[in-house]
Amino acid sequence: MNLLPNSVKKLWRISGAATGAFLGLIVAGVLGAFINVMEFPEILYIALILPFAGGIALGVWWAGVKFRNWGWQITERWIEAKRGVLAHHRVVIPRNRIQTITTNSGPIDRMLDLETITVHTAGAGAPNLTIPHLGTATVREIRTALGQGVND
C-alpha cells in the first residue's frame, strides 16, 4: 500500500490543532461561565487552559492516527484505497469500470504542490474513489497508469 505524502500529515495536524483549539475555547468558555456563576475561587480560571491545550493535543494526535490509516494502490486489475480509524472503509474499483478521472486542488494544496484525485466509475450508483492530497507528480503517474491523461 502506498501512503500519502508527509506534507499531508503536517496539513492535517495544523487543521486538527486549529479545530481542537476552537472546540477547546468553546469548552473553556462554558466552564468559565460556570465558574463565574457558581462563584468559585478565581484561581480556578487557570484550569481553563486545560480544555484549550487538550483540544490542540487531541487534534494533532488524531491527525497522525488518521494519516497512518490512509493507503492506496494500483494493480493490473484494480485501484484500491483504504481509510478509517474507528470505521474502516475500503474501496476497490476494477480498472475496466473506470469512466473518468478528475483532480482538484485548493489554494493550500497548490502551495504544497498537492492534488486530490477522484476516480469515477461507470454505472449508476457505482462508488467513486477519492485519494486526497497526493503530489502533483504522483497524480500524473496515476493518470498515466490508468490510461488517461497520457497526452497531457
C-alpha atoms as a PDB file:
ATOM      1  CA  MET A   1       0.000   0.000   0.000  1.00  0.00           C
ATOM      2  CA  ASN A   2       1.207   3.473  -0.866  1.00  0.00           C
ATOM      3  CA  LEU A   3       0.933   6.148   1.803  1.00  0.00           C
ATOM      4  CA  LEU A   4       0.017   9.786   1.448  1.00  0.00           C
ATOM      5  CA  PRO A   5       2.915  12.306   1.330  1.00  0.00           C
ATOM      6  CA  ASN A   6       4.317  13.510   4.666  1.00  0.00           C
ATOM      7  CA  SER A   7       3.196  17.052   3.879  1.00  0.00           C
ATOM      8  CA  VAL A   8      -0.382  15.763   4.304  1.00  0.00           C
ATOM      9  CA  LYS A   9       0.412  14.807   7.903  1.00  0.00           C
ATOM     10  CA  LYS A  10       1.558  18.384   8.558  1.00  0.00           C
ATOM     11  CA  LEU A  11      -1.519  19.804   6.842  1.00  0.00           C
ATOM     12  CA  TRP A  12      -3.879  17.562   8.818  1.00  0.00           C
ATOM     13  CA  ARG A  13      -2.041  18.308  12.090  1.00  0.00           C
ATOM     14  CA  ILE A  14      -2.368  22.053  11.558  1.00  0.00           C
ATOM     15  CA  SER A  15      -6.041  21.603  10.739  1.00  0.00           C
ATOM     16  CA  GLY A  16      -6.534  19.309  13.743  1.00  0.00           C
ATOM     17  CA  ALA A  17      -4.793  21.771  16.058  1.00  0.00           C
ATOM     18  CA  ALA A  18      -6.980  24.626  14.823  1.00  0.00           C
ATOM     19  CA  THR A  19     -10.162  22.571  15.220  1.00  0.00           C
ATOM     20  CA  GLY A  20      -9.080  21.355  18.655  1.00  0.00           C
ATOM     21  CA  ALA A  21      -8.242  24.897  19.755  1.00  0.00           C
ATOM     22  CA  PHE A  22     -11.646  26.140  18.613  1.00  0.00           C
ATOM     23  CA  LEU A  23     -13.509  23.358  20.408  1.00  0.00           C
ATOM     24  CA  GLY A  24     -11.284  23.815  23.462  1.00  0.00           C
ATOM     25  CA  LEU A  25     -12.162  27.522  23.555  1.00  0.00           C
ATOM     26  CA  ILE A  26     -15.860  26.673  23.490  1.00  0.00           C
ATOM     27  CA  VAL A  27     -15.467  24.227  26.384  1.00  0.00           C
ATOM     28  CA  ALA A  28     -13.298  26.717  28.281  1.00  0.00           C
ATOM     29  CA  GLY A  29     -15.937  29.423  27.773  1.00  0.00           C
ATOM     30  CA  VAL A  30     -18.669  27.194  29.169  1.00  0.00           C
ATOM     31  CA  LEU A  31     -16.500  26.216  32.121  1.00  0.00           C
ATOM     32  CA  GLY A  32     -15.550  29.858  32.693  1.00  0.00           C
ATOM     33  CA  ALA A  33     -19.205  30.857  32.770  1.00  0.00           C
ATOM     34  CA  PHE A  34     -19.908  28.011  35.203  1.00  0.00           C
ATOM     35  CA  ILE A  35     -17.031  29.107  37.473  1.00  0.00           C
ATOM     36  CA  ASN A  36     -18.308  32.678  37.350  1.00  0.00           C
ATOM     37  CA  VAL A  37     -21.949  31.792  38.070  1.00  0.00           C
ATOM     38  CA  MET A  38     -21.103  29.378  40.891  1.00  0.00           C
ATOM     39  CA  GLU A  39     -18.710  31.968  42.408  1.00  0.00           C
ATOM     40  CA  PHE A  40     -15.810  29.560  42.721  1.00  0.00           C
ATOM     41  CA  PRO A  41     -12.380  30.986  43.595  1.00  0.00           C
ATOM     42  CA  GLU A  42     -10.788  32.936  40.766  1.00  0.00           C
ATOM     43  CA  ILE A  43      -7.722  30.685  40.848  1.00  0.00           C
ATOM     44  CA  LEU A  44      -9.821  28.058  39.025  1.00  0.00           C
ATOM     45  CA  TYR A  45      -9.711  30.221  35.896  1.00  0.00           C
ATOM     46  CA  ILE A  46      -6.210  28.830  35.363  1.00  0.00           C
ATOM     47  CA  ALA A  47      -7.859  25.438  34.801  1.00  0.00           C
ATOM     48  CA  LEU A  48      -9.457  26.844  31.634  1.00  0.00           C
ATOM     49  CA  ILE A  49      -6.134  26.308  29.885  1.00  0.00           C
ATOM     50  CA  LEU A  50      -6.656  22.534  30.101  1.00  0.00           C
ATOM     51  CA  PRO A  51      -9.534  22.198  27.593  1.00  0.00           C
ATOM     52  CA  PHE A  52      -7.727  24.505  25.160  1.00  0.00           C
ATOM     53  CA  ALA A  53      -4.400  22.647  25.381  1.00  0.00           C
ATOM     54  CA  GLY A  54      -6.144  19.273  25.465  1.00  0.00           C
ATOM     55  CA  GLY A  55      -8.128  20.135  22.335  1.00  0.00           C
ATOM     56  CA  ILE A  56      -4.969  21.055  20.460  1.00  0.00           C
ATOM     57  CA  ALA A  57      -3.171  17.894  21.612  1.00  0.00           C
ATOM     58  CA  LEU A  58      -6.135  15.703  20.702  1.00  0.00           C
ATOM     59  CA  GLY A  59      -6.441  17.303  17.248  1.00  0.00           C
ATOM     60  CA  VAL A  60      -2.736  16.810  16.489  1.00  0.00           C
ATOM     61  CA  TRP A  61      -2.798  13.205  17.739  1.00  0.00           C
ATOM     62  CA  TRP A  62      -5.944  12.334  15.765  1.00  0.00           C
ATOM     63  CA  ALA A  63      -4.434  13.733  12.557  1.00  0.00           C
ATOM     64  CA  GLY A  64      -1.431  11.427  12.970  1.00  0.00           C
ATOM     65  CA  VAL A  65      -3.672   8.405  13.552  1.00  0.00           C
ATOM     66  CA  LYS A  66      -5.818   9.327  10.534  1.00  0.00           C
ATOM     67  CA  PHE A  67      -2.681   9.698   8.385  1.00  0.00           C
ATOM     68  CA  ARG A  68      -1.373   6.239   9.355  1.00  0.00           C
ATOM     69  CA  ASN A  69      -4.665   4.637   8.350  1.00  0.00           C
ATOM     70  CA  TRP A  70      -4.760   6.013   4.786  1.00  0.00           C
ATOM     71  CA  GLY A  71      -3.382   3.964   1.911  1.00  0.00           C
ATOM     72  CA  TRP A  72      -3.878   3.294  -1.794  1.00  0.00           C
ATOM     73  CA  GLN A  73      -2.526   1.016  -4.508  1.00  0.00           C
ATOM     74  CA  ILE A  74      -2.871   0.305  -8.205  1.00  0.00           C
ATOM     75  CA  THR A  75      -2.547  -3.230  -9.551  1.00  0.00           C
ATOM     76  CA  GLU A  76      -3.007  -4.677 -13.015  1.00  0.00           C
ATOM     77  CA  ARG A  77      -6.673  -5.337 -12.292  1.00  0.00           C
ATOM     78  CA  TRP A  78      -7.891  -2.621  -9.903  1.00  0.00           C
ATOM     79  CA  ILE A  79      -7.262   0.551  -7.957  1.00  0.00           C
ATOM     80  CA  GLU A  80      -7.836   0.405  -4.218  1.00  0.00           C
ATOM     81  CA  ALA A  81      -7.964   2.886  -1.332  1.00  0.00           C
ATOM     82  CA  LYS A  82      -8.387   2.262   2.375  1.00  0.00           C
ATOM     83  CA  ARG A  83      -9.004   4.693   5.208  1.00  0.00           C
ATOM     84  CA  GLY A  84     -10.583   4.938   8.591  1.00  0.00           C
ATOM     85  CA  VAL A  85      -9.727   4.863  12.255  1.00  0.00           C
ATOM     86  CA  LEU A  86     -12.905   3.824  14.020  1.00  0.00           C
ATOM     87  CA  ALA A  87     -14.719   2.543  10.942  1.00  0.00           C
ATOM     88  CA  HIS A  88     -12.547   1.080   8.206  1.00  0.00           C
ATOM     89  CA  HIS A  89     -13.505   1.871   4.602  1.00  0.00           C
ATOM     90  CA  ARG A  90     -12.043   0.098   1.609  1.00  0.00           C
ATOM     91  CA  VAL A  91     -12.961   0.919  -1.984  1.00  0.00           C
ATOM     92  CA  VAL A  92     -11.777  -1.362  -4.786  1.00  0.00           C
ATOM     93  CA  ILE A  93     -12.568  -0.422  -8.378  1.00  0.00           C
ATOM     94  CA  PRO A  94     -11.804  -2.710 -11.309  1.00  0.00           C
ATOM     95  CA  ARG A  95      -9.819  -0.866 -13.958  1.00  0.00           C
ATOM     96  CA  ASN A  96     -12.340  -1.750 -16.665  1.00  0.00           C
ATOM     97  CA  ARG A  97     -15.061   0.172 -14.726  1.00  0.00           C
ATOM     98  CA  ILE A  98     -13.176   3.481 -14.671  1.00  0.00           C
ATOM     99  CA  GLN A  99     -15.077   6.170 -16.543  1.00  0.00           C
ATOM    100  CA  THR A 100     -13.186   9.395 -15.809  1.00  0.00           C
ATOM    101  CA  ILE A 101     -10.529  10.764 -13.510  1.00  0.00           C
ATOM    102  CA  THR A 102     -10.782  14.266 -12.074  1.00  0.00           C
ATOM    103  CA  THR A 103      -8.356  16.254  -9.973  1.00  0.00           C
ATOM    104  CA  ASN A 104      -8.927  19.106  -7.580  1.00  0.00           C
ATOM    105  CA  SER A 105      -6.568  21.398  -5.676  1.00  0.00           C
ATOM    106  CA  GLY A 106      -7.398  24.293  -3.418  1.00  0.00           C
ATOM    107  CA  PRO A 107      -5.095  27.210  -2.612  1.00  0.00           C
ATOM    108  CA  ILE A 108      -3.357  25.441   0.296  1.00  0.00           C
ATOM    109  CA  ASP A 109      -2.945  22.288  -1.803  1.00  0.00           C
ATOM    110  CA  ARG A 110      -1.350  24.339  -4.570  1.00  0.00           C
ATOM    111  CA  MET A 111       1.075  25.909  -2.076  1.00  0.00           C
ATOM    112  CA  LEU A 112       2.143  22.406  -1.015  1.00  0.00           C
ATOM    113  CA  ASP A 113       2.091  21.050  -4.604  1.00  0.00           C
ATOM    114  CA  LEU A 114      -0.733  18.617  -3.805  1.00  0.00           C
ATOM    115  CA  GLU A 115      -3.865  17.484  -5.650  1.00  0.00           C
ATOM    116  CA  THR A 116      -6.879  15.361  -4.787  1.00  0.00           C
ATOM    117  CA  ILE A 117      -7.725  12.727  -7.379  1.00  0.00           C
ATOM    118  CA  THR A 118     -11.167  11.179  -7.855  1.00  0.00           C
ATOM    119  CA  VAL A 119     -11.750   8.067  -9.955  1.00  0.00           C
ATOM    120  CA  HIS A 120     -15.310   7.945 -11.307  1.00  0.00           C
ATOM    121  CA  THR A 121     -16.815   4.636 -12.341  1.00  0.00           C
ATOM    122  CA  ALA A 122     -19.288   3.574 -14.985  1.00  0.00           C
ATOM    123  CA  GLY A 123     -22.759   2.607 -13.844  1.00  0.00           C
ATOM    124  CA  ALA A 124     -25.469   4.200 -11.777  1.00  0.00           C
ATOM    125  CA  GLY A 125     -24.788   4.216  -8.078  1.00  0.00           C
ATOM    126  CA  ALA A 126     -21.274   2.857  -8.516  1.00  0.00           C
ATOM    127  CA  PRO A 127     -18.757   4.091  -5.954  1.00  0.00           C
ATOM    128  CA  ASN A 128     -16.166   6.740  -6.670  1.00  0.00           C
ATOM    129  CA  LEU A 129     -12.686   6.527  -5.219  1.00  0.00           C
ATOM    130  CA  THR A 130     -11.060   9.684  -3.867  1.00  0.00           C
ATOM    131  CA  ILE A 131      -7.446   9.919  -2.752  1.00  0.00           C
ATOM    132  CA  PRO A 132      -6.731  13.264  -1.074  1.00  0.00           C
ATOM    133  CA  HIS A 133      -3.616  15.411  -1.193  1.00  0.00           C
ATOM    134  CA  LEU A 134      -1.270  13.476  -3.455  1.00  0.00           C
ATOM    135  CA  GLY A 135       1.778  15.073  -5.010  1.00  0.00           C
ATOM    136  CA  THR A 136       1.222  16.504  -8.479  1.00  0.00           C
ATOM    137  CA  ALA A 137       3.799  14.125  -9.998  1.00  0.00           C
ATOM    138  CA  THR A 138       2.080  11.152  -8.338  1.00  0.00           C
ATOM    139  CA  VAL A 139      -1.279  12.231  -9.752  1.00  0.00           C
ATOM    140  CA  ARG A 140       0.241  12.350 -13.243  1.00  0.00           C
ATOM    141  CA  GLU A 141       1.684   8.847 -12.731  1.00  0.00           C
ATOM    142  CA  ILE A 142      -1.712   7.517 -11.600  1.00  0.00           C
ATOM    143  CA  ARG A 143      -3.478   9.062 -14.599  1.00  0.00           C
ATOM    144  CA  THR A 144      -0.892   7.573 -16.929  1.00  0.00           C
ATOM    145  CA  ALA A 145      -1.071   4.168 -15.224  1.00  0.00           C
ATOM    146  CA  LEU A 146      -4.844   4.137 -15.550  1.00  0.00           C
ATOM    147  CA  GLY A 147      -4.652   5.080 -19.234  1.00  0.00           C
ATOM    148  CA  GLN A 148      -5.922   8.635 -19.027  1.00  0.00           C
ATOM    149  CA  GLY A 149      -4.011  11.853 -19.330  1.00  0.00           C
ATOM    150  CA  VAL A 150      -1.178  10.255 -21.292  1.00  0.00           C
ATOM    151  CA  ASN A 151      -1.015  13.180 -23.707  1.00  0.00           C
ATOM    152  CA  ASP A 152      -1.193  15.983 -21.092  1.00  0.00           C
END
